[in-house]
Protein backbone atom coordinates (compact mmCIF):
# COMPACT_ATOMS: atom_id res chain seq x y z
CA MET A 1 -39.51 -68.86 17.66
CA ASN A 2 -40.63 -69.77 21.15
CA GLU A 3 -37.03 -69.91 22.35
CA ARG A 4 -37.06 -66.32 20.83
CA LEU A 5 -39.93 -64.83 22.55
CA GLY A 6 -39.18 -66.27 25.79
CA TYR A 7 -35.52 -65.36 25.81
CA ARG A 8 -36.86 -61.59 24.45
CA ASN A 9 -39.11 -61.63 27.79
CA ILE A 10 -36.65 -62.94 29.90
CA MET A 11 -34.50 -59.88 28.67
CA VAL A 12 -37.51 -57.81 29.17
CA GLY A 13 -38.11 -58.72 32.97
CA ILE A 14 -34.41 -58.29 33.80
CA GLY A 15 -34.98 -54.50 32.95
CA ALA A 16 -37.79 -53.79 34.04
CA ALA A 17 -36.44 -55.24 37.67
CA LEU A 18 -33.68 -52.60 37.04
CA HIS A 19 -35.70 -49.98 36.36
CA PHE A 20 -37.49 -50.86 39.92
CA LEU A 21 -33.70 -50.57 41.63
CA VAL A 22 -32.22 -47.95 39.56
CA ASP A 23 -35.60 -45.94 40.96
CA CYS A 24 -35.82 -47.43 44.19
CA LEU A 25 -31.83 -46.36 45.33
CA CYS A 26 -32.09 -42.68 43.97
CA LEU A 27 -34.88 -41.86 45.84
CA CYS A 28 -33.81 -44.03 48.71
CA THR A 29 -30.44 -42.30 48.58
CA LEU A 30 -31.75 -38.91 48.30
CA TYR A 31 -34.58 -39.45 51.47
CA LEU A 32 -30.92 -40.95 53.54
CA MET A 33 -29.35 -37.77 52.48
CA SER A 34 -32.35 -35.31 53.56
CA PRO A 35 -32.38 -35.30 57.60
CA LEU A 36 -28.30 -34.28 57.30
CA VAL A 37 -29.33 -30.81 55.19
CA GLU A 38 -31.66 -27.80 56.12
CA THR A 39 -35.01 -28.29 54.64
CA GLY A 40 -34.99 -25.14 52.46
CA TYR A 41 -31.83 -26.95 50.63
CA VAL A 42 -33.56 -30.44 50.71
CA VAL A 43 -36.22 -28.36 47.82
CA GLY A 44 -33.19 -27.45 45.77
CA LEU A 45 -31.07 -30.51 45.44
CA PHE A 46 -34.66 -32.66 44.74
CA ILE A 47 -35.06 -30.19 41.85
CA VAL A 48 -31.57 -30.53 40.59
CA TYR A 49 -31.91 -34.20 40.76
CA ASN A 50 -35.21 -34.56 39.25
CA VAL A 51 -34.20 -32.13 35.99
CA LEU A 52 -30.94 -34.07 35.47
CA ALA A 53 -32.78 -36.89 35.47
CA PHE A 54 -35.95 -35.77 33.24
CA VAL A 55 -34.39 -33.54 30.99
CA THR A 56 -31.08 -34.43 29.64
CA GLN A 57 -32.48 -37.83 29.26
CA ILE A 58 -33.15 -36.09 25.37
CA ILE A 59 -29.08 -36.24 25.62
CA THR A 60 -28.83 -39.50 26.28
CA GLY A 61 -31.45 -40.64 24.03
CA HIS A 62 -29.62 -39.39 21.52
CA LEU A 63 -26.52 -41.06 22.59
CA ALA A 64 -28.11 -44.31 23.04
CA ASP A 65 -29.34 -44.18 18.97
CA ILE A 66 -25.56 -43.48 18.38
CA SER A 67 -24.18 -45.56 20.35
CA ARG A 68 -22.70 -48.87 18.60
CA GLN A 69 -21.74 -50.71 21.52
CA LYS A 70 -24.80 -51.31 23.00
CA HIS A 71 -24.45 -50.90 27.21
CA TRP A 72 -21.69 -49.15 27.77
CA MET A 73 -24.49 -46.43 28.96
CA LEU A 74 -25.47 -49.39 31.58
CA ILE A 75 -22.00 -49.24 32.70
CA ILE A 76 -21.51 -45.66 32.84
CA SER A 77 -25.35 -45.40 34.77
CA LEU A 78 -23.78 -48.11 37.09
CA LEU A 79 -20.77 -46.19 37.71
CA LEU A 80 -22.74 -42.80 38.16
CA LEU A 81 -24.89 -44.27 40.96
CA ILE A 82 -22.08 -46.18 42.86
CA LEU A 83 -20.10 -42.69 42.98
CA GLY A 84 -23.62 -40.67 43.57
CA VAL A 85 -24.13 -42.88 46.64
CA ALA A 86 -20.17 -43.32 47.85
CA THR A 87 -20.16 -39.11 48.16
CA MET A 88 -23.40 -38.85 49.94
CA ALA A 89 -21.99 -41.98 52.45
CA VAL A 90 -18.68 -39.81 52.14
CA GLY A 91 -20.34 -36.46 53.28
CA VAL A 92 -22.52 -38.08 55.72
CA ASN A 93 -19.38 -40.02 57.77
CA THR A 94 -16.34 -37.52 57.04
CA LEU A 95 -18.59 -33.67 57.87
CA PRO A 96 -19.87 -33.00 60.98
CA HIS A 97 -22.11 -30.81 59.75
CA PRO A 98 -23.25 -31.76 55.95
CA SER A 99 -23.56 -28.33 53.71
CA ALA A 100 -26.08 -28.70 50.50
CA THR A 101 -23.18 -28.10 48.91
CA ALA A 102 -22.00 -31.12 49.86
CA MET A 103 -24.61 -33.02 49.04
CA LEU A 104 -24.96 -31.23 45.73
CA PRO A 105 -22.36 -33.93 43.65
CA THR A 106 -24.39 -37.02 44.59
CA ALA A 107 -27.95 -35.24 43.44
CA ILE A 108 -26.07 -34.34 40.19
CA LEU A 109 -24.66 -38.13 40.06
CA LEU A 110 -28.14 -39.99 40.80
CA GLY A 111 -29.73 -37.56 38.17
CA LEU A 112 -27.02 -38.70 35.46
CA GLY A 113 -26.96 -42.24 36.43
CA ASN A 114 -30.74 -42.25 36.37
CA SER A 115 -30.97 -40.64 32.55
CA PHE A 116 -28.09 -42.95 31.66
CA PHE A 117 -30.25 -45.56 32.24
CA HIS A 118 -33.66 -45.08 31.03
CA THR A 119 -32.63 -44.31 28.43
CA TRP A 120 -30.68 -47.66 27.88
CA GLY A 121 -33.75 -49.26 28.66
CA GLY A 122 -36.02 -47.95 26.92
CA LYS A 123 -33.95 -48.10 23.85
CA GLN A 124 -33.04 -51.88 24.06
CA VAL A 125 -36.84 -52.64 25.08
CA ALA A 126 -37.84 -51.32 22.08
CA MET A 127 -35.31 -52.82 19.53
CA LYS A 128 -35.76 -56.33 21.07
CA THR A 129 -39.13 -56.85 21.12
CA HIS A 130 -39.97 -54.43 17.71
CA ASN A 131 -41.75 -51.41 19.94
CA GLY A 132 -43.65 -53.78 21.54
CA ILE A 133 -46.50 -51.90 23.51
CA ARG A 134 -47.02 -54.73 26.31
CA SER A 135 -43.04 -55.14 27.25
CA LEU A 136 -42.70 -51.53 26.82
CA GLY A 137 -46.08 -51.42 29.36
CA ILE A 138 -43.93 -53.85 31.13
CA PHE A 139 -40.53 -52.07 31.51
CA VAL A 140 -41.47 -48.22 32.34
CA SER A 141 -44.36 -49.35 35.16
CA THR A 142 -41.60 -50.89 37.84
CA GLY A 143 -40.18 -47.66 38.74
CA ALA A 144 -43.25 -46.00 40.02
CA PHE A 145 -43.37 -48.62 42.82
CA GLY A 146 -39.34 -48.55 43.29
CA LEU A 147 -39.85 -44.87 44.17
CA SER A 148 -42.46 -45.82 47.12
CA ILE A 149 -40.71 -48.78 48.48
CA GLY A 150 -37.15 -46.10 48.42
CA PHE A 151 -39.28 -43.65 50.24
CA VAL A 152 -41.37 -45.64 52.42
CA PHE A 153 -38.27 -48.21 53.25
CA HIS A 154 -35.26 -46.24 53.30
CA SER A 155 -32.42 -47.52 55.11
CA TRP A 156 -28.69 -48.05 54.84
CA PRO A 157 -29.34 -52.13 54.72
CA LEU A 158 -31.37 -51.48 51.45
CA LEU A 159 -29.55 -49.07 49.86
CA TYR A 160 -26.95 -51.60 50.10
CA ALA A 161 -28.74 -54.41 48.79
CA ILE A 162 -30.01 -52.49 45.96
CA LEU A 163 -26.52 -51.78 44.94
CA LEU A 164 -25.61 -55.42 45.29
CA LEU A 165 -28.35 -56.18 43.56
CA MET A 166 -28.44 -53.98 40.69
CA CYS A 167 -24.54 -54.86 39.99
CA LEU A 168 -25.76 -59.00 39.74
CA LEU A 169 -28.88 -58.29 37.46
CA ALA A 170 -26.00 -56.12 35.29
CA ALA A 171 -23.80 -58.41 35.08
CA LEU A 172 -26.94 -60.99 34.38
CA TYR A 173 -28.63 -58.98 31.20
CA MET A 174 -25.23 -58.43 29.70
CA ARG A 175 -24.19 -62.01 29.78
CA CYS A 176 -27.36 -63.36 28.23
CA ASP A 177 -27.86 -60.50 25.80
CA PHE A 178 -25.60 -63.09 23.12
CA LYS A 179 -24.61 -61.40 19.49
CA GLY A 180 -27.42 -63.00 17.44
CA ASP A 181 -29.92 -60.93 20.11
CA ILE A 182 -32.05 -58.68 16.89
CA GLN A 183 -31.32 -55.16 16.83
CA SER A 184 -33.58 -52.47 15.05
CA SER A 185 -31.76 -50.40 12.02
CA PRO A 186 -32.75 -46.64 11.20
CA SER A 187 -35.22 -45.91 9.01
CA ALA A 188 -33.66 -44.63 6.15
CA SER A 189 -35.62 -41.76 3.47
CA THR A 190 -36.25 -42.48 -0.04
CA PRO A 191 -33.00 -42.28 -2.42
CA GLY A 192 -34.05 -38.99 -4.71
CA ALA A 193 -37.29 -38.52 -3.38
CA PRO A 194 -37.87 -34.52 -3.67
CA SER A 195 -36.77 -32.21 -0.98
CA LYS A 196 -39.84 -30.61 -0.94
CA GLU A 197 -41.85 -34.33 0.49
CA ARG A 198 -38.66 -34.95 3.13
CA ARG A 199 -39.33 -31.48 4.00
CA TRP A 200 -42.99 -31.95 4.17
CA ALA A 201 -41.98 -35.73 6.12
CA HIS A 202 -39.83 -33.84 8.94
CA TRP A 203 -42.55 -31.11 9.59
CA ALA A 204 -44.88 -34.18 9.86
CA ILE A 205 -42.70 -35.94 12.26
CA GLY A 206 -42.27 -32.47 14.15
CA VAL A 207 -45.47 -31.95 14.40
CA ALA A 208 -46.32 -35.59 15.79
CA ILE A 209 -43.71 -35.30 18.53
CA VAL A 210 -44.53 -32.15 20.00
CA VAL A 211 -48.60 -33.39 20.58
CA LEU A 212 -47.44 -36.51 22.01
CA MET A 213 -45.00 -34.25 24.70
CA LEU A 214 -47.97 -32.03 25.18
CA LEU A 215 -50.31 -34.83 25.74
CA VAL A 216 -47.56 -36.79 27.77
CA MET A 217 -47.26 -33.20 29.79
CA MET A 218 -50.80 -33.21 30.31
CA ARG A 219 -50.56 -36.40 31.60
CA SER A 220 -48.37 -35.81 34.16
CA TRP A 221 -50.11 -33.32 35.58
CA VAL A 222 -53.52 -34.74 35.84
CA GLY A 223 -51.26 -37.64 37.70
CA GLU A 224 -50.32 -35.52 40.15
CA SER A 225 -53.65 -34.32 40.72
CA PHE A 226 -54.88 -37.33 41.49
CA THR A 227 -51.95 -38.23 43.93
CA GLN A 228 -52.20 -34.40 45.32
CA ALA A 229 -56.02 -35.77 46.50
CA ILE A 230 -54.88 -38.57 48.44
CA THR A 231 -53.90 -38.03 52.24
CA LYS A 232 -50.40 -40.08 52.16
CA SER A 233 -49.85 -42.52 54.41
CA ASP A 234 -47.09 -45.17 54.22
CA VAL A 235 -49.97 -47.58 53.23
CA VAL A 236 -51.23 -45.13 50.84
CA VAL A 237 -47.59 -44.46 49.30
CA LEU A 238 -46.96 -47.75 48.43
CA ALA A 239 -50.35 -47.77 47.16
CA ILE A 240 -49.82 -45.43 44.76
CA GLY A 241 -46.82 -46.76 43.81
CA ALA A 242 -48.44 -50.47 43.10
CA ILE A 243 -51.52 -49.04 41.13
CA ALA A 244 -49.78 -46.48 39.21
CA MET A 245 -47.24 -49.10 38.13
CA LEU A 246 -49.81 -51.84 37.24
CA GLY A 247 -51.66 -49.07 35.19
CA LYS A 248 -48.35 -48.36 33.49
CA MET A 249 -48.42 -52.54 33.01
CA SER A 250 -52.41 -52.61 31.95
CA GLY A 251 -52.08 -50.26 29.59
CA GLY A 252 -49.87 -52.16 27.19
CA TRP A 253 -52.73 -55.16 26.84
CA ILE A 254 -55.15 -53.04 26.93
CA ALA A 255 -54.10 -51.35 23.76
CA ARG A 256 -53.25 -54.40 22.38
CA GLY A 257 -56.55 -56.32 23.12
CA MET A 258 -58.78 -53.47 22.23
CA GLY A 259 -56.94 -51.49 19.80
CA ILE A 260 -54.85 -48.40 20.78
CA VAL A 261 -58.09 -45.62 19.37
CA ARG A 262 -60.83 -47.79 21.66
CA SER A 263 -58.91 -48.52 24.49
CA MET A 264 -57.88 -44.30 24.75
CA VAL A 265 -61.43 -43.64 24.36
CA VAL A 266 -62.64 -45.25 27.12
CA VAL A 267 -59.42 -45.26 29.44
CA LEU A 268 -59.63 -41.01 29.25
CA THR A 269 -63.91 -40.89 29.52
CA VAL A 270 -62.57 -42.77 33.07
CA VAL A 271 -59.42 -40.30 33.53
CA LEU A 272 -62.16 -37.32 33.08
CA ILE A 273 -64.61 -38.51 35.29
CA CYS A 274 -62.32 -39.54 37.85
CA LEU A 275 -60.73 -35.71 37.69
CA LEU A 276 -64.11 -34.49 38.36
CA CYS A 277 -65.02 -36.43 41.32
CA ARG A 278 -61.34 -36.69 42.57
CA ASP A 279 -62.24 -35.62 45.79
CA SER A 280 -65.19 -37.12 46.85
CA HIS A 281 -63.35 -40.67 47.65
CA LEU A 282 -60.05 -42.04 47.58
CA ALA A 283 -61.62 -44.82 45.30
CA ILE A 284 -61.90 -42.53 43.24
CA ALA A 285 -58.72 -41.03 43.24
CA LEU A 286 -56.66 -44.00 42.55
CA LEU A 287 -58.80 -45.21 40.16
CA GLY A 288 -58.26 -42.39 38.10
CA LEU A 289 -54.27 -43.10 38.88
CA PHE A 290 -54.74 -46.48 37.11
CA ALA A 291 -56.52 -45.45 34.11
CA VAL A 292 -54.01 -42.09 33.41
CA ASN A 293 -51.47 -44.38 34.04
CA CYS A 294 -52.23 -46.52 31.12
CA THR A 295 -52.07 -44.19 28.54
CA MET A 296 -48.10 -44.18 29.05
CA PRO A 297 -46.89 -47.37 26.81
CA VAL A 298 -49.06 -45.66 24.34
CA THR A 299 -47.59 -42.89 24.04
CA LEU A 300 -44.23 -44.31 24.33
CA TYR A 301 -45.65 -46.56 21.40
CA LEU A 302 -46.61 -43.92 19.38
CA ALA A 303 -43.43 -41.82 19.40
CA ASN A 304 -41.22 -44.77 18.07
CA VAL A 305 -43.39 -45.67 15.83
CA VAL A 306 -42.84 -41.72 14.52
CA LEU A 307 -39.07 -41.87 15.30
CA LYS A 308 -38.55 -44.97 13.84
CA GLY A 309 -34.79 -45.91 14.31
CA ARG A 310 -34.65 -43.29 17.19
CA GLU A 311 -35.95 -44.98 20.31
CA GLY A 312 -34.01 -43.54 22.82
CA LEU A 313 -34.60 -39.84 21.51
CA ALA A 314 -38.31 -40.89 21.58
CA PHE A 315 -38.06 -41.88 25.16
CA GLY A 316 -36.41 -38.70 26.12
CA LEU A 317 -38.85 -36.51 24.76
CA LEU A 318 -41.43 -38.06 26.71
CA ALA A 319 -39.31 -38.34 29.97
CA ALA A 320 -38.34 -34.44 29.52
CA ALA A 321 -42.17 -33.45 28.92
CA LEU A 322 -43.30 -34.71 32.49
CA ILE A 323 -41.20 -32.57 34.30
CA PRO A 324 -43.27 -28.88 32.90
CA GLY A 325 -47.00 -30.97 33.53
CA PHE A 326 -45.57 -31.96 37.50
CA LEU A 327 -44.12 -28.00 37.88
CA ILE A 328 -47.45 -26.85 36.82
CA ALA A 329 -49.47 -29.54 38.76
CA ILE A 330 -46.80 -28.13 42.11
CA LEU A 331 -47.70 -24.51 41.68
């Protein structure tokens, strides 16, 4: 039993490290590319990347659920990300004045590679830990700090180091994932159940998922409201990434210790107070950012419960819901 628990922890840890590296690589590449393209077009490239990275997770999440080969999506993700970096490098080194059109393939490849990785990772963690809320929090948390590192320290040496580490960790993950690994099977409907009951069950699942997506959209809006209230320097950007990571990581442990309902009442109360006072002090905005991120593993855990056996789709739906909340906050 202890061996199995240790194995799961190692696999979740490798997955979380890969999540950090993937998000770091994507932002590092985009910011290396940004000075080479006119400012107006840079915004368009970032929009293309974000839409593909998040919205397409609905599709890649479904693919993760129906795939019989667990890790082909990880391999495809790595190939897409490597190609994205390669197209950027070729464009920079061969074109005298790289245009947005020349850099568009990079944004597309990075967005798709990011999408494939996230739904693969979310599915794997949910399966290996039986939807363990603490493990889900650990996996999703590291991407936030990876984005901060990629933004602040973007450089070619960092980019190549990330690529090398990604390939090594991916190989290690697949090597460690032996045949006896725990697999979760999709839940089956009860044979012979009346069609009316099945319809009601489908309606209930649909309503629950919509509610969770609305909550995620609201969380995205609130989280972006907190970050917009903060004057950003490199140190502050790193602090924002670290606090968001700690919030997502802590949320699973808090919910496991206090219970989901009680912990969310406390967390959302803190979020509301901080939201009302976010402009008064930096510490209040950062506390609110920490608290709102504590809800992330909870919504993911509940989505996996609702869509048992379709954890990839659950991950993808919640990821897609982040984009409207982000756009509302920006606009």
